[in-house]
Amino acid sequence: MPQGKPAGMPCVQLTDDLRCALFGRPERPAVCVRLRPEPAMCGGNREQALAWLAALEAATGR
């Protein structure tokens, strides 16, 4: 997604099981390569992780 993605929209590179289709490949975007998930980001489950992402998107206007 050269221009980024709208907030709340899944990445087009996610597979059906929500894994990155570009993981480990040279065409994976630099922002994804540099991302280092931390416990606060992931939470204890998927719902907590999605809530964290929603708050981040809201805070950054994405």
PDB file of N, CA and C in Angstrom:
ATOM      1  N   MET A   1       0.844  -1.162   0.000  1.00  0.00           N
ATOM      2  CA  MET A   1       0.000   0.000   0.000  1.00  0.00           C
ATOM      3  C   MET A   1       0.899   1.238   0.000  1.00  0.00           C
ATOM      4  N   PRO A   2       1.318   1.673  -1.150  1.00  0.00           N
ATOM      5  CA  PRO A   2       2.303   2.758  -1.258  1.00  0.00           C
ATOM      6  C   PRO A   2       1.902   4.048  -0.547  1.00  0.00           C
ATOM      7  N   GLN A   3       0.635   4.372  -0.486  1.00  0.00           N
ATOM      8  CA  GLN A   3       0.179   5.603   0.160  1.00  0.00           C
ATOM      9  C   GLN A   3      -0.314   5.361   1.581  1.00  0.00           C
ATOM     10  N   GLY A   4      -0.021   4.202   2.140  1.00  0.00           N
ATOM     11  CA  GLY A   4      -0.506   3.863   3.473  1.00  0.00           C
ATOM     12  C   GLY A   4      -1.891   3.246   3.379  1.00  0.00           C
ATOM     13  N   LYS A   5      -2.555   3.150   4.518  1.00  0.00           N
ATOM     14  CA  LYS A   5      -3.898   2.586   4.531  1.00  0.00           C
ATOM     15  C   LYS A   5      -4.779   3.389   5.458  1.00  0.00           C
ATOM     16  N   PRO A   6      -6.064   3.413   5.193  1.00  0.00           N
ATOM     17  CA  PRO A   6      -6.979   4.120   6.098  1.00  0.00           C
ATOM     18  C   PRO A   6      -7.068   3.413   7.450  1.00  0.00           C
ATOM     19  N   ALA A   7      -7.339   4.178   8.486  1.00  0.00           N
ATOM     20  CA  ALA A   7      -7.521   3.609   9.821  1.00  0.00           C
ATOM     21  C   ALA A   7      -8.640   2.586   9.797  1.00  0.00           C
ATOM     22  N   GLY A   8      -8.440   1.512  10.519  1.00  0.00           N
ATOM     23  CA  GLY A   8      -9.463   0.473  10.625  1.00  0.00           C
ATOM     24  C   GLY A   8      -9.490  -0.502   9.473  1.00  0.00           C
ATOM     25  N   MET A   9      -8.715  -0.261   8.444  1.00  0.00           N
ATOM     26  CA  MET A   9      -8.680  -1.161   7.294  1.00  0.00           C
ATOM     27  C   MET A   9      -7.506  -2.126   7.445  1.00  0.00           C
ATOM     28  N   PRO A  10      -7.748  -3.424   7.345  1.00  0.00           N
ATOM     29  CA  PRO A  10      -6.628  -4.371   7.439  1.00  0.00           C
ATOM     30  C   PRO A  10      -5.658  -4.180   6.270  1.00  0.00           C
ATOM     31  N   CYS A  11      -4.433  -4.507   6.511  1.00  0.00           N
ATOM     32  CA  CYS A  11      -3.435  -4.470   5.442  1.00  0.00           C
ATOM     33  C   CYS A  11      -3.833  -5.458   4.346  1.00  0.00           C
ATOM     34  N   VAL A  12      -3.648  -5.077   3.106  1.00  0.00           N
ATOM     35  CA  VAL A  12      -4.006  -5.953   1.995  1.00  0.00           C
ATOM     36  C   VAL A  12      -3.107  -7.183   1.921  1.00  0.00           C
ATOM     37  N   GLN A  13      -1.987  -7.160   2.650  1.00  0.00           N
ATOM     38  CA  GLN A  13      -1.058  -8.289   2.621  1.00  0.00           C
ATOM     39  C   GLN A  13      -1.342  -9.336   3.696  1.00  0.00           C
ATOM     40  N   LEU A  14      -2.405  -9.169   4.472  1.00  0.00           N
ATOM     41  CA  LEU A  14      -2.740 -10.169   5.480  1.00  0.00           C
ATOM     42  C   LEU A  14      -3.373 -11.389   4.830  1.00  0.00           C
ATOM     43  N   THR A  15      -2.941 -12.553   5.265  1.00  0.00           N
ATOM     44  CA  THR A  15      -3.521 -13.800   4.775  1.00  0.00           C
ATOM     45  C   THR A  15      -4.816 -14.085   5.540  1.00  0.00           C
ATOM     46  N   ASP A  16      -5.518 -15.125   5.161  1.00  0.00           N
ATOM     47  CA  ASP A  16      -6.774 -15.492   5.820  1.00  0.00           C
ATOM     48  C   ASP A  16      -6.589 -15.774   7.307  1.00  0.00           C
ATOM     49  N   ASP A  17      -5.394 -16.242   7.681  1.00  0.00           N
ATOM     50  CA  ASP A  17      -5.142 -16.505   9.104  1.00  0.00           C
ATOM     51  C   ASP A  17      -4.428 -15.325   9.784  1.00  0.00           C
ATOM     52  N   LEU A  18      -4.529 -14.126   9.162  1.00  0.00           N
ATOM     53  CA  LEU A  18      -4.028 -12.856   9.700  1.00  0.00           C
ATOM     54  C   LEU A  18      -2.514 -12.799   9.856  1.00  0.00           C
ATOM     55  N   ARG A  19      -1.810 -13.486   8.991  1.00  0.00           N
ATOM     56  CA  ARG A  19      -0.347 -13.417   8.976  1.00  0.00           C
ATOM     57  C   ARG A  19       0.095 -12.570   7.784  1.00  0.00           C
ATOM     58  N   CYS A  20       1.278 -12.000   7.902  1.00  0.00           N
ATOM     59  CA  CYS A  20       1.811 -11.155   6.831  1.00  0.00           C
ATOM     60  C   CYS A  20       2.298 -12.025   5.669  1.00  0.00           C
ATOM     61  N   ALA A  21       1.759 -11.767   4.504  1.00  0.00           N
ATOM     62  CA  ALA A  21       2.162 -12.517   3.309  1.00  0.00           C
ATOM     63  C   ALA A  21       3.555 -12.104   2.827  1.00  0.00           C
ATOM     64  N   LEU A  22       4.053 -10.979   3.327  1.00  0.00           N
ATOM     65  CA  LEU A  22       5.368 -10.487   2.892  1.00  0.00           C
ATOM     66  C   LEU A  22       6.460 -10.705   3.921  1.00  0.00           C
ATOM     67  N   PHE A  23       6.124 -11.327   5.057  1.00  0.00           N
ATOM     68  CA  PHE A  23       7.108 -11.502   6.122  1.00  0.00           C
ATOM     69  C   PHE A  23       8.347 -12.220   5.593  1.00  0.00           C
ATOM     70  N   GLY A  24       9.525 -11.615   5.846  1.00  0.00           N
ATOM     71  CA  GLY A  24      10.781 -12.205   5.409  1.00  0.00           C
ATOM     72  C   GLY A  24      11.120 -11.970   3.952  1.00  0.00           C
ATOM     73  N   ARG A  25      10.269 -11.273   3.226  1.00  0.00           N
ATOM     74  CA  ARG A  25      10.520 -11.029   1.802  1.00  0.00           C
ATOM     75  C   ARG A  25      11.073  -9.616   1.611  1.00  0.00           C
ATOM     76  N   PRO A  26      11.899  -9.421   0.601  1.00  0.00           N
ATOM     77  CA  PRO A  26      12.521  -8.107   0.397  1.00  0.00           C
ATOM     78  C   PRO A  26      11.522  -6.990   0.107  1.00  0.00           C
ATOM     79  N   GLU A  27      10.361  -7.294  -0.415  1.00  0.00           N
ATOM     80  CA  GLU A  27       9.381  -6.254  -0.736  1.00  0.00           C
ATOM     81  C   GLU A  27       8.539  -5.821   0.476  1.00  0.00           C
ATOM     82  N   ARG A  28       8.780  -6.425   1.627  1.00  0.00           N
ATOM     83  CA  ARG A  28       8.059  -6.020   2.838  1.00  0.00           C
ATOM     84  C   ARG A  28       8.441  -4.578   3.166  1.00  0.00           C
ATOM     85  N   PRO A  29       7.454  -3.716   3.430  1.00  0.00           N
ATOM     86  CA  PRO A  29       7.744  -2.293   3.697  1.00  0.00           C
ATOM     87  C   PRO A  29       8.668  -2.098   4.899  1.00  0.00           C
ATOM     88  N   ALA A  30       9.498  -1.080   4.809  1.00  0.00           N
ATOM     89  CA  ALA A  30      10.467  -0.787   5.872  1.00  0.00           C
ATOM     90  C   ALA A  30       9.776  -0.545   7.207  1.00  0.00           C
ATOM     91  N   VAL A  31       8.630   0.115   7.197  1.00  0.00           N
ATOM     92  CA  VAL A  31       7.924   0.381   8.452  1.00  0.00           C
ATOM     93  C   VAL A  31       7.544  -0.924   9.141  1.00  0.00           C
ATOM     94  N   CYS A  32       7.194  -1.927   8.389  1.00  0.00           N
ATOM     95  CA  CYS A  32       6.845  -3.227   8.962  1.00  0.00           C
ATOM     96  C   CYS A  32       8.090  -3.959   9.470  1.00  0.00           C
ATOM     97  N   VAL A  33       9.168  -3.852   8.738  1.00  0.00           N
ATOM     98  CA  VAL A  33      10.423  -4.493   9.141  1.00  0.00           C
ATOM     99  C   VAL A  33      10.907  -3.915  10.473  1.00  0.00           C
ATOM    100  N   ARG A  34      10.771  -2.584  10.642  1.00  0.00           N
ATOM    101  CA  ARG A  34      11.257  -1.912  11.855  1.00  0.00           C
ATOM    102  C   ARG A  34      10.336  -2.099  13.053  1.00  0.00           C
ATOM    103  N   LEU A  35       9.096  -2.484  12.836  1.00  0.00           N
ATOM    104  CA  LEU A  35       8.149  -2.611  13.938  1.00  0.00           C
ATOM    105  C   LEU A  35       8.580  -3.692  14.909  1.00  0.00           C
ATOM    106  N   ARG A  36       8.658  -3.327  16.178  1.00  0.00           N
ATOM    107  CA  ARG A  36       9.018  -4.265  17.234  1.00  0.00           C
ATOM    108  C   ARG A  36       7.879  -4.296  18.250  1.00  0.00           C
ATOM    109  N   PRO A  37       6.969  -5.253  18.137  1.00  0.00           N
ATOM    110  CA  PRO A  37       5.845  -5.310  19.073  1.00  0.00           C
ATOM    111  C   PRO A  37       6.317  -5.445  20.513  1.00  0.00           C
ATOM    112  N   GLU A  38       5.609  -4.785  21.398  1.00  0.00           N
ATOM    113  CA  GLU A  38       5.893  -4.828  22.825  1.00  0.00           C
ATOM    114  C   GLU A  38       4.645  -5.316  23.554  1.00  0.00           C
ATOM    115  N   PRO A  39       4.789  -5.785  24.791  1.00  0.00           N
ATOM    116  CA  PRO A  39       3.620  -6.283  25.528  1.00  0.00           C
ATOM    117  C   PRO A  39       2.447  -5.298  25.567  1.00  0.00           C
ATOM    118  N   ALA A  40       2.719  -4.011  25.743  1.00  0.00           N
ATOM    119  CA  ALA A  40       1.632  -3.028  25.790  1.00  0.00           C
ATOM    120  C   ALA A  40       0.880  -2.971  24.465  1.00  0.00           C
ATOM    121  N   MET A  41       1.577  -3.173  23.386  1.00  0.00           N
ATOM    122  CA  MET A  41       0.970  -3.125  22.059  1.00  0.00           C
ATOM    123  C   MET A  41       0.094  -4.351  21.807  1.00  0.00           C
ATOM    124  N   CYS A  42       0.535  -5.495  22.261  1.00  0.00           N
ATOM    125  CA  CYS A  42      -0.173  -6.746  21.973  1.00  0.00           C
ATOM    126  C   CYS A  42      -1.266  -7.059  22.982  1.00  0.00           C
ATOM    127  N   GLY A  43      -1.115  -6.563  24.213  1.00  0.00           N
ATOM    128  CA  GLY A  43      -2.102  -6.866  25.239  1.00  0.00           C
ATOM    129  C   GLY A  43      -2.128  -8.350  25.549  1.00  0.00           C
ATOM    130  N   GLY A  44      -3.194  -8.777  26.182  1.00  0.00           N
ATOM    131  CA  GLY A  44      -3.322 -10.178  26.564  1.00  0.00           C
ATOM    132  C   GLY A  44      -4.104 -11.003  25.571  1.00  0.00           C
ATOM    133  N   ASN A  45      -4.725 -10.321  24.584  1.00  0.00           N
ATOM    134  CA  ASN A  45      -5.515 -11.045  23.586  1.00  0.00           C
ATOM    135  C   ASN A  45      -5.737 -10.149  22.367  1.00  0.00           C
ATOM    136  N   ARG A  46      -6.386 -10.692  21.376  1.00  0.00           N
ATOM    137  CA  ARG A  46      -6.613  -9.964  20.116  1.00  0.00           C
ATOM    138  C   ARG A  46      -7.416  -8.682  20.331  1.00  0.00           C
ATOM    139  N   GLU A  47      -8.450  -8.748  21.170  1.00  0.00           N
ATOM    140  CA  GLU A  47      -9.293  -7.578  21.407  1.00  0.00           C
ATOM    141  C   GLU A  47      -8.492  -6.423  22.011  1.00  0.00           C
ATOM    142  N   GLN A  48      -7.605  -6.741  22.954  1.00  0.00           N
ATOM    143  CA  GLN A  48      -6.775  -5.702  23.563  1.00  0.00           C
ATOM    144  C   GLN A  48      -5.798  -5.124  22.537  1.00  0.00           C
ATOM    145  N   ALA A  49      -5.247  -5.965  21.701  1.00  0.00           N
ATOM    146  CA  ALA A  49      -4.326  -5.488  20.665  1.00  0.00           C
ATOM    147  C   ALA A  49      -5.050  -4.574  19.685  1.00  0.00           C
ATOM    148  N   LEU A  50      -6.255  -4.942  19.287  1.00  0.00           N
ATOM    149  CA  LEU A  50      -7.016  -4.106  18.357  1.00  0.00           C
ATOM    150  C   LEU A  50      -7.423  -2.788  18.995  1.00  0.00           C
ATOM    151  N   ALA A  51      -7.734  -2.799  20.288  1.00  0.00           N
ATOM    152  CA  ALA A  51      -8.061  -1.559  20.991  1.00  0.00           C
ATOM    153  C   ALA A  51      -6.848  -0.637  21.026  1.00  0.00           C
ATOM    154  N   TRP A  52      -5.658  -1.193  21.249  1.00  0.00           N
ATOM    155  CA  TRP A  52      -4.434  -0.393  21.254  1.00  0.00           C
ATOM    156  C   TRP A  52      -4.210   0.233  19.879  1.00  0.00           C
ATOM    157  N   LEU A  53      -4.395  -0.552  18.829  1.00  0.00           N
ATOM    158  CA  LEU A  53      -4.221  -0.029  17.471  1.00  0.00           C
ATOM    159  C   LEU A  53      -5.228   1.066  17.166  1.00  0.00           C
ATOM    160  N   ALA A  54      -6.469   0.874  17.584  1.00  0.00           N
ATOM    161  CA  ALA A  54      -7.502   1.889  17.352  1.00  0.00           C
ATOM    162  C   ALA A  54      -7.133   3.195  18.056  1.00  0.00           C
ATOM    163  N   ALA A  55      -6.642   3.102  19.287  1.00  0.00           N
ATOM    164  CA  ALA A  55      -6.231   4.301  20.020  1.00  0.00           C
ATOM    165  C   ALA A  55      -5.052   4.977  19.325  1.00  0.00           C
ATOM    166  N   LEU A  56      -4.105   4.208  18.841  1.00  0.00           N
ATOM    167  CA  LEU A  56      -2.953   4.772  18.129  1.00  0.00           C
ATOM    168  C   LEU A  56      -3.402   5.473  16.847  1.00  0.00           C
ATOM    169  N   GLU A  57      -4.268   4.832  16.089  1.00  0.00           N
ATOM    170  CA  GLU A  57      -4.761   5.436  14.849  1.00  0.00           C
ATOM    171  C   GLU A  57      -5.517   6.730  15.142  1.00  0.00           C
ATOM    172  N   ALA A  58      -6.326   6.738  16.199  1.00  0.00           N
ATOM    173  CA  ALA A  58      -7.078   7.931  16.562  1.00  0.00           C
ATOM    174  C   ALA A  58      -6.127   9.059  16.983  1.00  0.00           C
ATOM    175  N   ALA A  59      -5.091   8.713  17.711  1.00  0.00           N
ATOM    176  CA  ALA A  59      -4.135   9.714  18.199  1.00  0.00           C
ATOM    177  C   ALA A  59      -3.284  10.309  17.066  1.00  0.00           C
ATOM    178  N   THR A  60      -3.073   9.544  16.015  1.00  0.00           N
ATOM    179  CA  THR A  60      -2.209  10.012  14.929  1.00  0.00           C
ATOM    180  C   THR A  60      -2.988  10.514  13.723  1.00  0.00           C
ATOM    181  N   GLY A  61      -4.319  10.447  13.801  1.00  0.00           N
ATOM    182  CA  GLY A  61      -5.140  10.940  12.700  1.00  0.00           C
ATOM    183  C   GLY A  61      -5.100  10.075  11.470  1.00  0.00           C
ATOM    184  N   ARG A  62      -4.737   8.824  11.626  1.00  0.00           N
ATOM    185  CA  ARG A  62      -4.659   7.908  10.475  1.00  0.00           C
ATOM    186  C   ARG A  62      -5.939   7.218  10.249  1.00  0.00           C
TER     187      ARG A  62
END
